Protein backbone atom coordinates (compact mmCIF):
# COMPACT_ATOMS: atom_id res chain seq x y z
CA UNK A 1 46.98 13.80 -55.16
CA UNK A 2 49.85 14.84 -56.37
CA UNK A 3 51.51 18.59 -56.47
CA UNK A 4 53.86 18.36 -59.61
CA UNK A 5 53.82 22.72 -59.50
CA UNK A 6 55.69 25.30 -58.01
CA UNK A 7 53.83 26.65 -55.48
CA UNK A 8 51.67 25.10 -52.72
CA UNK A 9 47.69 23.62 -53.06
CA UNK A 10 45.31 22.18 -51.34
CA UNK A 11 42.32 20.46 -52.24
CA UNK A 12 38.47 22.15 -50.88
CA UNK A 13 35.31 20.28 -51.62
CA UNK A 14 32.13 22.61 -51.15
CA UNK A 15 28.39 22.13 -51.35
CA UNK A 16 26.07 23.86 -54.12
CA UNK A 17 25.54 26.35 -50.71
CA UNK A 18 29.02 27.18 -50.10
CA UNK A 19 29.56 24.83 -47.32
CA UNK A 20 33.10 22.96 -47.24
CA UNK A 21 32.47 18.94 -47.40
CA UNK A 22 36.06 17.87 -46.96
CA UNK A 23 39.66 19.55 -47.09
CA UNK A 24 43.14 18.46 -47.68
CA UNK A 25 46.38 20.75 -45.65
CA UNK A 26 48.34 22.85 -48.31
CA UNK A 27 50.61 20.04 -50.24
CA UNK A 28 53.95 21.88 -50.91
CA UNK A 29 55.24 21.47 -53.69
CA UNK A 30 56.31 18.09 -54.99
CA UNK A 31 53.88 16.73 -52.31
CA UNK A 32 51.25 14.09 -51.54
CA UNK A 33 48.14 13.67 -49.73
CA UNK A 34 44.71 11.97 -50.34
CA UNK A 35 40.99 13.14 -49.57
CA UNK A 36 38.71 10.69 -48.99
CA UNK A 37 34.67 11.71 -49.52
CA UNK A 38 31.32 10.52 -49.85
CA UNK A 39 29.01 12.57 -51.55
CA UNK A 40 25.22 12.38 -51.49
CA UNK A 41 23.84 13.19 -54.47
CA UNK A 42 23.76 17.29 -54.83
CA UNK A 43 26.48 19.81 -57.01
CA UNK A 44 29.59 20.52 -55.40
CA UNK A 45 32.91 22.78 -56.46
CA UNK A 46 35.99 20.73 -56.13
CA UNK A 47 38.43 24.27 -56.05
CA UNK A 48 41.71 25.04 -54.31
CA UNK A 49 41.63 27.94 -52.28
CA UNK A 50 45.61 28.57 -51.59
CA UNK A 51 45.88 32.71 -53.21
CA UNK A 52 43.29 33.33 -55.82
CA UNK A 53 44.20 30.11 -57.68
CA UNK A 54 40.21 29.28 -57.45
CA UNK A 55 39.78 32.80 -59.03
CA UNK A 56 42.99 31.53 -61.86
CA UNK A 57 40.57 28.72 -63.30
CA UNK A 58 41.28 26.09 -60.34
CA UNK A 59 37.68 24.95 -59.78
CA UNK A 60 35.93 21.60 -61.21
CA UNK A 61 32.26 22.10 -60.55
CA UNK A 62 30.17 18.76 -60.49
CA UNK A 63 26.97 17.00 -60.03
CA UNK A 64 26.58 13.87 -58.19
CA UNK A 65 23.36 11.66 -59.56
CA UNK A 66 22.34 8.22 -57.39
CA UNK A 67 23.10 5.26 -59.47
CA UNK A 68 20.06 3.25 -60.38
CA UNK A 69 19.50 0.24 -58.23
CA UNK A 70 22.13 0.88 -56.00
CA UNK A 71 21.20 0.94 -52.04
CA UNK A 72 23.06 1.88 -48.97
CA UNK A 73 23.44 -0.19 -46.10
CA UNK A 74 21.73 2.10 -43.01
CA UNK A 75 23.94 3.26 -40.22
CA UNK A 76 26.54 2.06 -42.62
CA UNK A 77 27.49 4.68 -44.74
CA UNK A 78 28.87 1.26 -47.60
CA UNK A 79 27.19 -0.19 -50.57
CA UNK A 80 25.29 -3.34 -50.46
CA UNK A 81 26.58 -3.62 -53.82
CA UNK A 82 30.77 -3.42 -54.76
CA UNK A 83 29.70 -1.05 -57.14
CA UNK A 84 29.23 3.35 -56.54
CA UNK A 85 26.39 5.18 -55.64
CA UNK A 86 27.00 7.94 -56.88
CA UNK A 87 28.72 8.86 -60.96
CA UNK A 88 30.45 12.32 -61.32
CA UNK A 89 30.07 14.79 -64.42
CA UNK A 90 31.36 17.28 -65.67
CA UNK A 91 28.62 20.75 -65.37
CA UNK A 92 26.91 19.99 -69.13
CA UNK A 93 28.64 17.12 -69.79
CA UNK A 94 26.26 13.81 -70.38
CA UNK A 95 26.53 11.78 -66.91
CA UNK A 96 25.98 8.00 -69.93
CA UNK A 97 28.44 6.62 -71.84
CA UNK A 98 26.38 6.63 -74.70
CA UNK A 99 26.83 9.13 -77.66
CA UNK A 100 24.59 10.99 -79.28
CA UNK A 101 23.76 10.92 -82.25
CA UNK A 102 24.16 13.70 -84.49
CA UNK A 103 22.01 14.90 -87.21
């Protein structure tokens, strides 16, 4: 994540219950950081918690769904295949890459 703005920003991931799952430190303007998190299927909010940034629209709601056929190895947290166990989709957007036909 890169902060190309003029103010400090962070990235907070919260589950559907509002509990923090992961977060970065506040990044100064021009700063950069990395956040790695493994998410179970469910609803999550990604937002900036600095000031009123979330209230000003710095929020993205995502749904993580399990991919058909993907299996996790017990106890390792790693996938048995080199494919993602889930995918992210903006709420209200189709998760399939197929386009719906207009009628």
